[in-house]
PDB file of all heavy atoms in Angstrom:
ATOM      1  N   ALA A   1       0.759  -1.164   0.044  1.00  0.00           N
ATOM      2  CA  ALA A   1       0.048   0.054  -0.059  1.00  0.00           C
ATOM      3  C   ALA A   1       0.872   1.283   0.009  1.00  0.00           C
ATOM      4  O   ALA A   1       2.022   1.274   0.468  1.00  0.00           O
ATOM      5  CB  ALA A   1      -0.914  -0.022   1.189  1.00  0.00           C
ATOM      6  N   GLY A   2       0.252   2.367  -0.515  1.00  0.00           N
ATOM      7  CA  GLY A   2       1.103   3.566  -0.564  1.00  0.00           C
ATOM      8  C   GLY A   2       1.021   4.116   0.914  1.00  0.00           C
ATOM      9  O   GLY A   2       0.632   3.641   1.950  1.00  0.00           O
ATOM     10  N   ARG A   3       1.659   5.352   0.999  1.00  0.00           N
ATOM     11  CA  ARG A   3       1.930   5.910   2.420  1.00  0.00           C
ATOM     12  C   ARG A   3       0.599   6.687   2.668  1.00  0.00           C
ATOM     13  O   ARG A   3      -0.099   7.198   1.796  1.00  0.00           O
ATOM     14  CB  ARG A   3       3.120   6.922   2.345  1.00  0.00           C
ATOM     15  CG  ARG A   3       4.357   6.182   2.238  1.00  0.00           C
ATOM     16  CD  ARG A   3       5.625   7.038   2.342  1.00  0.00           C
ATOM     17  NE  ARG A   3       6.787   6.411   2.446  1.00  0.00           N
ATOM     18  CZ  ARG A   3       8.053   6.927   2.554  1.00  0.00           C
ATOM     19  NH1 ARG A   3       8.123   8.365   2.742  1.00  0.00           N
ATOM     20  NH2 ARG A   3       9.073   6.421   2.689  1.00  0.00           N
ATOM     21  N   GLY A   4       0.393   6.890   3.988  1.00  0.00           N
ATOM     22  CA  GLY A   4      -0.732   7.740   4.473  1.00  0.00           C
ATOM     23  C   GLY A   4      -0.712   7.552   6.013  1.00  0.00           C
ATOM     24  O   GLY A   4       0.300   7.249   6.630  1.00  0.00           O
ATOM     25  N   VAL A   5      -1.760   8.083   6.530  1.00  0.00           N
ATOM     26  CA  VAL A   5      -1.810   8.173   8.067  1.00  0.00           C
ATOM     27  C   VAL A   5      -2.202   6.774   8.472  1.00  0.00           C
ATOM     28  O   VAL A   5      -3.271   6.122   8.054  1.00  0.00           O
ATOM     29  CB  VAL A   5      -2.878   9.122   8.542  1.00  0.00           C
ATOM     30  CG1 VAL A   5      -3.096   9.118  10.068  1.00  0.00           C
ATOM     31  CG2 VAL A   5      -2.567  10.598   8.187  1.00  0.00           C
ATOM     32  N   GLU A   6      -1.526   6.199   9.433  1.00  0.00           N
ATOM     33  CA  GLU A   6      -1.726   4.907   9.919  1.00  0.00           C
ATOM     34  C   GLU A   6      -2.700   4.897  11.142  1.00  0.00           C
ATOM     35  O   GLU A   6      -2.480   5.643  12.171  1.00  0.00           O
ATOM     36  CB  GLU A   6      -0.455   4.111  10.243  1.00  0.00           C
ATOM     37  CG  GLU A   6       0.278   3.775   9.142  1.00  0.00           C
ATOM     38  CD  GLU A   6       1.481   2.893   9.514  1.00  0.00           C
ATOM     39  OE1 GLU A   6       1.918   2.948  10.685  1.00  0.00           O
ATOM     40  OE2 GLU A   6       2.136   2.269   8.632  1.00  0.00           O
ATOM     41  N   ALA A   7      -3.915   4.285  11.071  1.00  0.00           N
ATOM     42  CA  ALA A   7      -4.851   4.289  12.084  1.00  0.00           C
ATOM     43  C   ALA A   7      -5.106   2.894  12.670  1.00  0.00           C
ATOM     44  O   ALA A   7      -4.836   1.812  11.909  1.00  0.00           O
ATOM     45  CB  ALA A   7      -6.179   4.806  11.667  1.00  0.00           C
ATOM     46  N   LEU A   8      -5.502   2.790  13.865  1.00  0.00           N
ATOM     47  CA  LEU A   8      -6.039   1.483  14.379  1.00  0.00           C
ATOM     48  C   LEU A   8      -7.597   1.468  14.512  1.00  0.00           C
ATOM     49  O   LEU A   8      -8.188   2.523  14.941  1.00  0.00           O
ATOM     50  CB  LEU A   8      -5.402   1.161  15.738  1.00  0.00           C
ATOM     51  CG  LEU A   8      -6.077  -0.088  16.438  1.00  0.00           C
ATOM     52  CD1 LEU A   8      -5.020  -0.910  17.140  1.00  0.00           C
ATOM     53  CD2 LEU A   8      -7.081   0.340  17.337  1.00  0.00           C
ATOM     54  N   VAL A   9      -8.263   0.477  13.994  1.00  0.00           N
ATOM     55  CA  VAL A   9      -9.651   0.364  14.053  1.00  0.00           C
ATOM     56  C   VAL A   9      -9.896  -1.230  14.565  1.00  0.00           C
ATOM     57  O   VAL A   9      -9.371  -2.049  14.061  1.00  0.00           O
ATOM     58  CB  VAL A   9     -10.408   0.757  12.854  1.00  0.00           C
ATOM     59  CG1 VAL A   9     -11.870   0.713  12.993  1.00  0.00           C
ATOM     60  CG2 VAL A   9     -10.051   2.084  12.267  1.00  0.00           C
ATOM     61  N   GLY A  10     -10.738  -1.180  15.614  1.00  0.00           N
ATOM     62  CA  GLY A  10     -10.957  -2.553  16.174  1.00  0.00           C
ATOM     63  C   GLY A  10     -12.249  -2.703  16.968  1.00  0.00           C
ATOM     64  O   GLY A  10     -12.916  -1.714  17.180  1.00  0.00           O
ATOM     65  N   LEU A  11     -12.572  -3.853  17.208  1.00  0.00           N
ATOM     66  CA  LEU A  11     -13.659  -4.187  18.009  1.00  0.00           C
ATOM     67  C   LEU A  11     -13.339  -4.975  19.243  1.00  0.00           C
ATOM     68  O   LEU A  11     -12.371  -5.741  19.292  1.00  0.00           O
ATOM     69  CB  LEU A  11     -14.771  -5.030  17.358  1.00  0.00           C
ATOM     70  CG  LEU A  11     -15.353  -4.550  16.045  1.00  0.00           C
ATOM     71  CD1 LEU A  11     -16.492  -5.414  15.407  1.00  0.00           C
ATOM     72  CD2 LEU A  11     -16.020  -3.138  16.225  1.00  0.00           C
ATOM     73  N   VAL A  12     -13.790  -4.701  20.426  1.00  0.00           N
ATOM     74  CA  VAL A  12     -13.622  -5.449  21.567  1.00  0.00           C
ATOM     75  C   VAL A  12     -14.799  -5.613  22.407  1.00  0.00           C
ATOM     76  O   VAL A  12     -15.642  -4.767  22.428  1.00  0.00           O
ATOM     77  CB  VAL A  12     -12.410  -4.710  22.466  1.00  0.00           C
ATOM     78  CG1 VAL A  12     -12.887  -3.387  23.020  1.00  0.00           C
ATOM     79  CG2 VAL A  12     -11.926  -5.583  23.596  1.00  0.00           C
ATOM     80  N   ARG A  13     -14.915  -6.684  23.267  1.00  0.00           N
ATOM     81  CA  ARG A  13     -16.137  -7.017  23.816  1.00  0.00           C
ATOM     82  C   ARG A  13     -15.944  -6.757  25.443  1.00  0.00           C
ATOM     83  O   ARG A  13     -15.184  -7.182  25.957  1.00  0.00           O
ATOM     84  CB  ARG A  13     -16.494  -8.514  23.634  1.00  0.00           C
ATOM     85  CG  ARG A  13     -17.794  -8.994  24.377  1.00  0.00           C
ATOM     86  CD  ARG A  13     -18.131 -10.367  24.006  1.00  0.00           C
ATOM     87  NE  ARG A  13     -18.456 -10.570  22.593  1.00  0.00           N
ATOM     88  CZ  ARG A  13     -19.646 -10.157  22.021  1.00  0.00           C
ATOM     89  NH1 ARG A  13     -20.553  -9.779  22.819  1.00  0.00           N
ATOM     90  NH2 ARG A  13     -19.829 -10.349  20.796  1.00  0.00           N
ATOM     91  N   HIS A  14     -16.888  -6.059  25.809  1.00  0.00           N
ATOM     92  CA  HIS A  14     -16.941  -5.830  27.328  1.00  0.00           C
ATOM     93  C   HIS A  14     -18.401  -6.096  27.751  1.00  0.00           C
ATOM     94  O   HIS A  14     -19.202  -5.275  27.533  1.00  0.00           O
ATOM     95  CB  HIS A  14     -16.502  -4.479  27.686  1.00  0.00           C
ATOM     96  CG  HIS A  14     -15.117  -4.218  27.485  1.00  0.00           C
ATOM     97  ND1 HIS A  14     -14.235  -4.880  28.334  1.00  0.00           N
ATOM     98  CD2 HIS A  14     -14.332  -3.350  26.826  1.00  0.00           C
ATOM     99  CE1 HIS A  14     -12.832  -4.410  28.081  1.00  0.00           C
ATOM    100  NE2 HIS A  14     -13.004  -3.596  27.126  1.00  0.00           N
ATOM    101  N   GLU A  15     -18.617  -7.197  28.511  1.00  0.00           N
ATOM    102  CA  GLU A  15     -19.903  -7.475  29.008  1.00  0.00           C
ATOM    103  C   GLU A  15     -20.181  -6.652  30.288  1.00  0.00           C
ATOM    104  O   GLU A  15     -19.116  -6.244  31.064  1.00  0.00           O
ATOM    105  CB  GLU A  15     -20.003  -9.022  29.439  1.00  0.00           C
ATOM    106  CG  GLU A  15     -19.809  -9.958  28.378  1.00  0.00           C
ATOM    107  CD  GLU A  15     -20.717  -9.684  27.310  1.00  0.00           C
ATOM    108  OE1 GLU A  15     -21.781  -8.849  27.401  1.00  0.00           O
ATOM    109  OE2 GLU A  15     -20.617 -10.279  25.979  1.00  0.00           O
ATOM    110  N   PRO A  16     -21.386  -6.295  30.581  1.00  0.00           N
ATOM    111  CA  PRO A  16     -22.558  -6.703  29.889  1.00  0.00           C
ATOM    112  C   PRO A  16     -23.032  -5.954  28.659  1.00  0.00           C
ATOM    113  O   PRO A  16     -24.101  -6.045  28.121  1.00  0.00           O
ATOM    114  CB  PRO A  16     -23.619  -6.464  30.974  1.00  0.00           C
ATOM    115  CG  PRO A  16     -23.299  -5.247  31.707  1.00  0.00           C
ATOM    116  CD  PRO A  16     -21.819  -5.370  31.649  1.00  0.00           C
ATOM    117  N   PHE A  17     -22.181  -5.016  28.174  1.00  0.00           N
ATOM    118  CA  PHE A  17     -22.452  -4.062  27.062  1.00  0.00           C
ATOM    119  C   PHE A  17     -22.332  -4.620  25.651  1.00  0.00           C
ATOM    120  O   PHE A  17     -22.862  -4.165  24.725  1.00  0.00           O
ATOM    121  CB  PHE A  17     -21.627  -2.790  27.245  1.00  0.00           C
ATOM    122  CG  PHE A  17     -21.676  -2.217  28.600  1.00  0.00           C
ATOM    123  CD1 PHE A  17     -20.580  -2.168  29.409  1.00  0.00           C
ATOM    124  CD2 PHE A  17     -22.800  -1.599  29.103  1.00  0.00           C
ATOM    125  CE1 PHE A  17     -20.600  -1.675  30.717  1.00  0.00           C
ATOM    126  CE2 PHE A  17     -22.888  -1.119  30.297  1.00  0.00           C
ATOM    127  CZ  PHE A  17     -21.760  -1.120  31.186  1.00  0.00           C
ATOM    128  N   GLY A  18     -21.547  -5.764  25.603  1.00  0.00           N
ATOM    129  CA  GLY A  18     -21.330  -6.199  24.202  1.00  0.00           C
ATOM    130  C   GLY A  18     -20.143  -5.589  23.543  1.00  0.00           C
ATOM    131  O   GLY A  18     -19.095  -5.175  24.222  1.00  0.00           O
ATOM    132  N   LEU A  19     -20.128  -5.484  22.244  1.00  0.00           N
ATOM    133  CA  LEU A  19     -19.051  -5.137  21.324  1.00  0.00           C
ATOM    134  C   LEU A  19     -18.892  -3.611  21.498  1.00  0.00           C
ATOM    135  O   LEU A  19     -19.974  -2.907  21.346  1.00  0.00           O
ATOM    136  CB  LEU A  19     -19.097  -5.678  19.976  1.00  0.00           C
ATOM    137  CG  LEU A  19     -18.670  -7.046  19.765  1.00  0.00           C
ATOM    138  CD1 LEU A  19     -19.009  -7.479  18.321  1.00  0.00           C
ATOM    139  CD2 LEU A  19     -17.344  -7.317  20.135  1.00  0.00           C
ATOM    140  N   GLY A  20     -17.812  -3.025  21.474  1.00  0.00           N
ATOM    141  CA  GLY A  20     -17.488  -1.588  21.160  1.00  0.00           C
ATOM    142  C   GLY A  20     -16.505  -1.495  20.244  1.00  0.00           C
ATOM    143  O   GLY A  20     -15.820  -2.413  19.799  1.00  0.00           O
ATOM    144  N   ILE A  21     -16.277  -0.252  19.710  1.00  0.00           N
ATOM    145  CA  ILE A  21     -15.253   0.077  18.674  1.00  0.00           C
ATOM    146  C   ILE A  21     -14.199   0.919  19.197  1.00  0.00           C
ATOM    147  O   ILE A  21     -14.443   1.875  20.055  1.00  0.00           O
ATOM    148  CB  ILE A  21     -16.002   0.761  17.431  1.00  0.00           C
ATOM    149  CG1 ILE A  21     -14.977   0.912  16.313  1.00  0.00           C
ATOM    150  CG2 ILE A  21     -16.590   2.100  17.826  1.00  0.00           C
ATOM    151  CD1 ILE A  21     -15.651   1.263  14.981  1.00  0.00           C
ATOM    152  N   VAL A  22     -13.019   0.579  18.799  1.00  0.00           N
ATOM    153  CA  VAL A  22     -11.790   1.290  19.221  1.00  0.00           C
ATOM    154  C   VAL A  22     -11.199   1.997  17.980  1.00  0.00           C
ATOM    155  O   VAL A  22     -11.130   1.324  17.022  1.00  0.00           O
ATOM    156  CB  VAL A  22     -10.723   0.442  19.842  1.00  0.00           C
ATOM    157  CG1 VAL A  22      -9.558   1.387  20.248  1.00  0.00           C
ATOM    158  CG2 VAL A  22     -11.305  -0.300  20.965  1.00  0.00           C
ATOM    159  N   VAL A  23     -10.759   3.303  18.122  1.00  0.00           N
ATOM    160  CA  VAL A  23     -10.130   3.961  16.968  1.00  0.00           C
ATOM    161  C   VAL A  23      -9.031   4.781  17.504  1.00  0.00           C
ATOM    162  O   VAL A  23      -9.246   5.324  18.593  1.00  0.00           O
ATOM    163  CB  VAL A  23     -11.037   4.813  16.017  1.00  0.00           C
ATOM    164  CG1 VAL A  23     -11.655   5.910  16.843  1.00  0.00           C
ATOM    165  CG2 VAL A  23     -10.315   5.301  14.854  1.00  0.00           C
ATOM    166  N   GLY A  24      -7.948   4.808  16.851  1.00  0.00           N
ATOM    167  CA  GLY A  24      -6.847   5.674  17.297  1.00  0.00           C
ATOM    168  C   GLY A  24      -5.632   5.602  16.470  1.00  0.00           C
ATOM    169  O   GLY A  24      -5.784   5.149  15.241  1.00  0.00           O
ATOM    170  N   VAL A  25      -4.443   6.249  16.797  1.00  0.00           N
ATOM    171  CA  VAL A  25      -3.346   6.201  16.118  1.00  0.00           C
ATOM    172  C   VAL A  25      -2.788   4.807  16.080  1.00  0.00           C
ATOM    173  O   VAL A  25      -2.749   4.069  17.084  1.00  0.00           O
ATOM    174  CB  VAL A  25      -2.184   7.128  16.804  1.00  0.00           C
ATOM    175  CG1 VAL A  25      -0.924   7.060  16.080  1.00  0.00           C
ATOM    176  CG2 VAL A  25      -2.710   8.507  16.782  1.00  0.00           C
ATOM    177  N   GLY A  26      -2.524   4.306  14.816  1.00  0.00           N
ATOM    178  CA  GLY A  26      -2.050   2.970  14.511  1.00  0.00           C
ATOM    179  C   GLY A  26      -0.546   2.773  14.249  1.00  0.00           C
ATOM    180  O   GLY A  26       0.250   3.770  14.391  1.00  0.00           O
ATOM    181  N   GLY A  27      -0.217   1.601  13.779  1.00  0.00           N
ATOM    182  CA  GLY A  27       1.181   1.382  13.547  1.00  0.00           C
ATOM    183  C   GLY A  27       1.844   0.547  14.564  1.00  0.00           C
ATOM    184  O   GLY A  27       1.316   0.152  15.436  1.00  0.00           O
ATOM    185  N   VAL A  28       3.256   0.394  14.376  1.00  0.00           N
ATOM    186  CA  VAL A  28       3.938  -0.542  15.310  1.00  0.00           C
ATOM    187  C   VAL A  28       3.962  -0.067  16.694  1.00  0.00           C
ATOM    188  O   VAL A  28       4.276  -0.788  17.668  1.00  0.00           O
ATOM    189  CB  VAL A  28       5.460  -0.862  14.691  1.00  0.00           C
ATOM    190  CG1 VAL A  28       5.232  -1.522  13.359  1.00  0.00           C
ATOM    191  CG2 VAL A  28       6.163   0.516  14.592  1.00  0.00           C
ATOM    192  N   LEU A  29       3.952   1.336  16.991  1.00  0.00           N
ATOM    193  CA  LEU A  29       3.956   1.849  18.312  1.00  0.00           C
ATOM    194  C   LEU A  29       2.695   2.009  18.900  1.00  0.00           C
ATOM    195  O   LEU A  29       2.533   2.862  20.003  1.00  0.00           O
ATOM    196  CB  LEU A  29       4.782   3.204  18.181  1.00  0.00           C
ATOM    197  CG  LEU A  29       6.192   3.012  17.639  1.00  0.00           C
ATOM    198  CD1 LEU A  29       6.770   4.479  17.589  1.00  0.00           C
ATOM    199  CD2 LEU A  29       7.105   2.183  18.589  1.00  0.00           C
ATOM    200  N   VAL A  30       1.649   1.336  18.471  1.00  0.00           N
ATOM    201  CA  VAL A  30       0.203   1.658  18.950  1.00  0.00           C
ATOM    202  C   VAL A  30       0.150   1.586  20.505  1.00  0.00           C
ATOM    203  O   VAL A  30      -0.506   2.314  21.088  1.00  0.00           O
ATOM    204  CB  VAL A  30      -0.697   0.757  18.165  1.00  0.00           C
ATOM    205  CG1 VAL A  30      -0.545  -0.770  18.401  1.00  0.00           C
ATOM    206  CG2 VAL A  30      -2.164   1.149  18.625  1.00  0.00           C
ATOM    207  N   GLU A  31       0.724   0.458  21.067  1.00  0.00           N
ATOM    208  CA  GLU A  31       0.480   0.262  22.504  1.00  0.00           C
ATOM    209  C   GLU A  31       1.474   1.171  23.245  1.00  0.00           C
ATOM    210  O   GLU A  31       1.205   1.454  24.420  1.00  0.00           O
ATOM    211  CB  GLU A  31       0.822  -1.263  22.778  1.00  0.00           C
ATOM    212  CG  GLU A  31      -0.312  -2.097  22.317  1.00  0.00           C
ATOM    213  CD  GLU A  31      -0.112  -3.561  22.713  1.00  0.00           C
ATOM    214  OE1 GLU A  31       0.886  -3.887  23.511  1.00  0.00           O
ATOM    215  OE2 GLU A  31      -0.789  -4.431  22.344  1.00  0.00           O
ATOM    216  N   LEU A  32       2.429   1.647  22.736  1.00  0.00           N
ATOM    217  CA  LEU A  32       3.270   2.680  23.317  1.00  0.00           C
ATOM    218  C   LEU A  32       2.670   4.032  23.357  1.00  0.00           C
ATOM    219  O   LEU A  32       2.704   4.762  24.397  1.00  0.00           O
ATOM    220  CB  LEU A  32       4.658   2.683  22.655  1.00  0.00           C
ATOM    221  CG  LEU A  32       5.718   3.715  23.228  1.00  0.00           C
ATOM    222  CD1 LEU A  32       6.051   3.292  24.711  1.00  0.00           C
ATOM    223  CD2 LEU A  32       7.021   3.730  22.486  1.00  0.00           C
ATOM    224  N   VAL A  33       2.085   4.458  22.181  1.00  0.00           N
ATOM    225  CA  VAL A  33       1.386   5.738  22.077  1.00  0.00           C
ATOM    226  C   VAL A  33       0.095   5.797  22.853  1.00  0.00           C
ATOM    227  O   VAL A  33      -0.174   6.717  23.611  1.00  0.00           O
ATOM    228  CB  VAL A  33       1.210   6.013  20.634  1.00  0.00           C
ATOM    229  CG1 VAL A  33       0.391   7.262  20.456  1.00  0.00           C
ATOM    230  CG2 VAL A  33       2.552   6.142  19.871  1.00  0.00           C
ATOM    231  N   LYS A  34      -0.693   4.750  22.883  1.00  0.00           N
ATOM    232  CA  LYS A  34      -1.874   4.519  23.529  1.00  0.00           C
ATOM    233  C   LYS A  34      -2.777   5.734  23.357  1.00  0.00           C
ATOM    234  O   LYS A  34      -3.328   6.384  24.348  1.00  0.00           O
ATOM    235  CB  LYS A  34      -1.658   4.292  25.019  1.00  0.00           C
ATOM    236  CG  LYS A  34      -1.038   2.805  25.234  1.00  0.00           C
ATOM    237  CD  LYS A  34      -1.053   2.487  26.718  1.00  0.00           C
ATOM    238  CE  LYS A  34      -0.576   1.051  26.985  1.00  0.00           C
ATOM    239  NZ  LYS A  34      -0.405   0.666  28.344  1.00  0.00           N
ATOM    240  N   ASP A  35      -3.065   6.000  22.168  1.00  0.00           N
ATOM    241  CA  ASP A  35      -4.016   7.169  21.860  1.00  0.00           C
ATOM    242  C   ASP A  35      -5.096   6.577  21.074  1.00  0.00           C
ATOM    243  O   ASP A  35      -5.172   6.454  19.763  1.00  0.00           O
ATOM    244  CB  ASP A  35      -3.204   8.275  21.071  1.00  0.00           C
ATOM    245  CG  ASP A  35      -4.059   9.450  20.760  1.00  0.00           C
ATOM    246  OD1 ASP A  35      -4.822   9.825  21.575  1.00  0.00           O
ATOM    247  OD2 ASP A  35      -4.007   9.976  19.548  1.00  0.00           O
ATOM    248  N   ALA A  36      -6.182   6.369  21.835  1.00  0.00           N
ATOM    249  CA  ALA A  36      -7.343   5.712  21.262  1.00  0.00           C
ATOM    250  C   ALA A  36      -8.511   6.122  21.972  1.00  0.00           C
ATOM    251  O   ALA A  36      -8.599   6.549  23.158  1.00  0.00           O
ATOM    252  CB  ALA A  36      -7.244   4.181  21.219  1.00  0.00           C
ATOM    253  N   ALA A  37      -9.719   6.145  21.279  1.00  0.00           N
ATOM    254  CA  ALA A  37     -11.049   6.252  21.815  1.00  0.00           C
ATOM    255  C   ALA A  37     -11.957   5.148  21.690  1.00  0.00           C
ATOM    256  O   ALA A  37     -11.665   4.427  20.731  1.00  0.00           O
ATOM    257  CB  ALA A  37     -11.570   7.588  21.231  1.00  0.00           C
ATOM    258  N   PHE A  38     -12.828   4.994  22.573  1.00  0.00           N
ATOM    259  CA  PHE A  38     -13.820   3.823  22.566  1.00  0.00           C
ATOM    260  C   PHE A  38     -15.264   4.327  22.611  1.00  0.00           C
ATOM    261  O   PHE A  38     -15.587   5.191  23.319  1.00  0.00           O
ATOM    262  CB  PHE A  38     -13.582   2.911  23.781  1.00  0.00           C
ATOM    263  CG  PHE A  38     -14.427   1.848  23.899  1.00  0.00           C
ATOM    264  CD1 PHE A  38     -14.132   0.544  23.324  1.00  0.00           C
ATOM    265  CD2 PHE A  38     -15.535   1.812  24.762  1.00  0.00           C
ATOM    266  CE1 PHE A  38     -15.010  -0.499  23.407  1.00  0.00           C
ATOM    267  CE2 PHE A  38     -16.361   0.787  24.971  1.00  0.00           C
ATOM    268  CZ  PHE A  38     -16.095  -0.419  24.271  1.00  0.00           C
ATOM    269  N   ASP A  39     -16.100   3.635  21.874  1.00  0.00           N
ATOM    270  CA  ASP A  39     -17.677   3.798  22.055  1.00  0.00           C
ATOM    271  C   ASP A  39     -18.274   2.408  21.814  1.00  0.00           C
ATOM    272  O   ASP A  39     -17.762   1.473  21.137  1.00  0.00           O
ATOM    273  CB  ASP A  39     -18.169   4.829  21.021  1.00  0.00           C
ATOM    274  CG  ASP A  39     -19.369   5.311  21.394  1.00  0.00           C
ATOM    275  OD1 ASP A  39     -19.963   4.998  22.464  1.00  0.00           O
ATOM    276  OD2 ASP A  39     -19.784   6.462  20.728  1.00  0.00           O
ATOM    277  N   LEU A  40     -19.413   2.412  22.336  1.00  0.00           N
ATOM    278  CA  LEU A  40     -20.264   1.109  22.259  1.00  0.00           C
ATOM    279  C   LEU A  40     -20.911   1.104  20.884  1.00  0.00           C
ATOM    280  O   LEU A  40     -21.270   2.255  20.301  1.00  0.00           O
ATOM    281  CB  LEU A  40     -21.343   1.000  23.405  1.00  0.00           C
ATOM    282  CG  LEU A  40     -20.581   0.802  24.664  1.00  0.00           C
ATOM    283  CD1 LEU A  40     -21.672   0.928  25.896  1.00  0.00           C
ATOM    284  CD2 LEU A  40     -19.962  -0.530  24.817  1.00  0.00           C
ATOM    285  N   LEU A  41     -21.221  -0.084  20.412  1.00  0.00           N
ATOM    286  CA  LEU A  41     -21.913  -0.183  19.098  1.00  0.00           C
ATOM    287  C   LEU A  41     -23.379  -0.232  19.206  1.00  0.00           C
ATOM    288  O   LEU A  41     -23.792  -0.686  20.396  1.00  0.00           O
ATOM    289  CB  LEU A  41     -21.334  -1.452  18.322  1.00  0.00           C
ATOM    290  CG  LEU A  41     -20.003  -1.427  17.936  1.00  0.00           C
ATOM    291  CD1 LEU A  41     -19.470  -2.733  17.304  1.00  0.00           C
ATOM    292  CD2 LEU A  41     -19.671  -0.308  16.895  1.00  0.00           C
ATOM    293  N   PRO A  42     -24.196   0.067  18.163  1.00  0.00           N
ATOM    294  CA  PRO A  42     -23.739   0.517  16.889  1.00  0.00           C
ATOM    295  C   PRO A  42     -23.390   2.011  16.974  1.00  0.00           C
ATOM    296  O   PRO A  42     -23.874   2.788  17.786  1.00  0.00           O
ATOM    297  CB  PRO A  42     -24.909   0.187  15.916  1.00  0.00           C
ATOM    298  CG  PRO A  42     -26.080   0.261  16.980  1.00  0.00           C
ATOM    299  CD  PRO A  42     -25.648  -0.226  18.264  1.00  0.00           C
ATOM    300  N   ILE A  43     -22.710   2.463  15.909  1.00  0.00           N
ATOM    301  CA  ILE A  43     -22.298   3.802  15.765  1.00  0.00           C
ATOM    302  C   ILE A  43     -22.945   4.330  14.428  1.00  0.00           C
ATOM    303  O   ILE A  43     -23.217   3.524  13.486  1.00  0.00           O
ATOM    304  CB  ILE A  43     -20.942   4.233  15.942  1.00  0.00           C
ATOM    305  CG1 ILE A  43     -20.235   3.430  14.867  1.00  0.00           C
ATOM    306  CG2 ILE A  43     -20.364   3.821  17.333  1.00  0.00           C
ATOM    307  CD1 ILE A  43     -18.720   3.969  14.578  1.00  0.00           C
TER     308      ILE A  43
END
């Protein structure tokens, strides 16, 4: 792929609420940067 802004997008489950969506700065340093936001689905 070409170059661009690297983002992380994902789903994670937390009961009793079910699945939520995570979005934030992505790439190899994602867990070091830890810049993400979360919301419950659907959006």
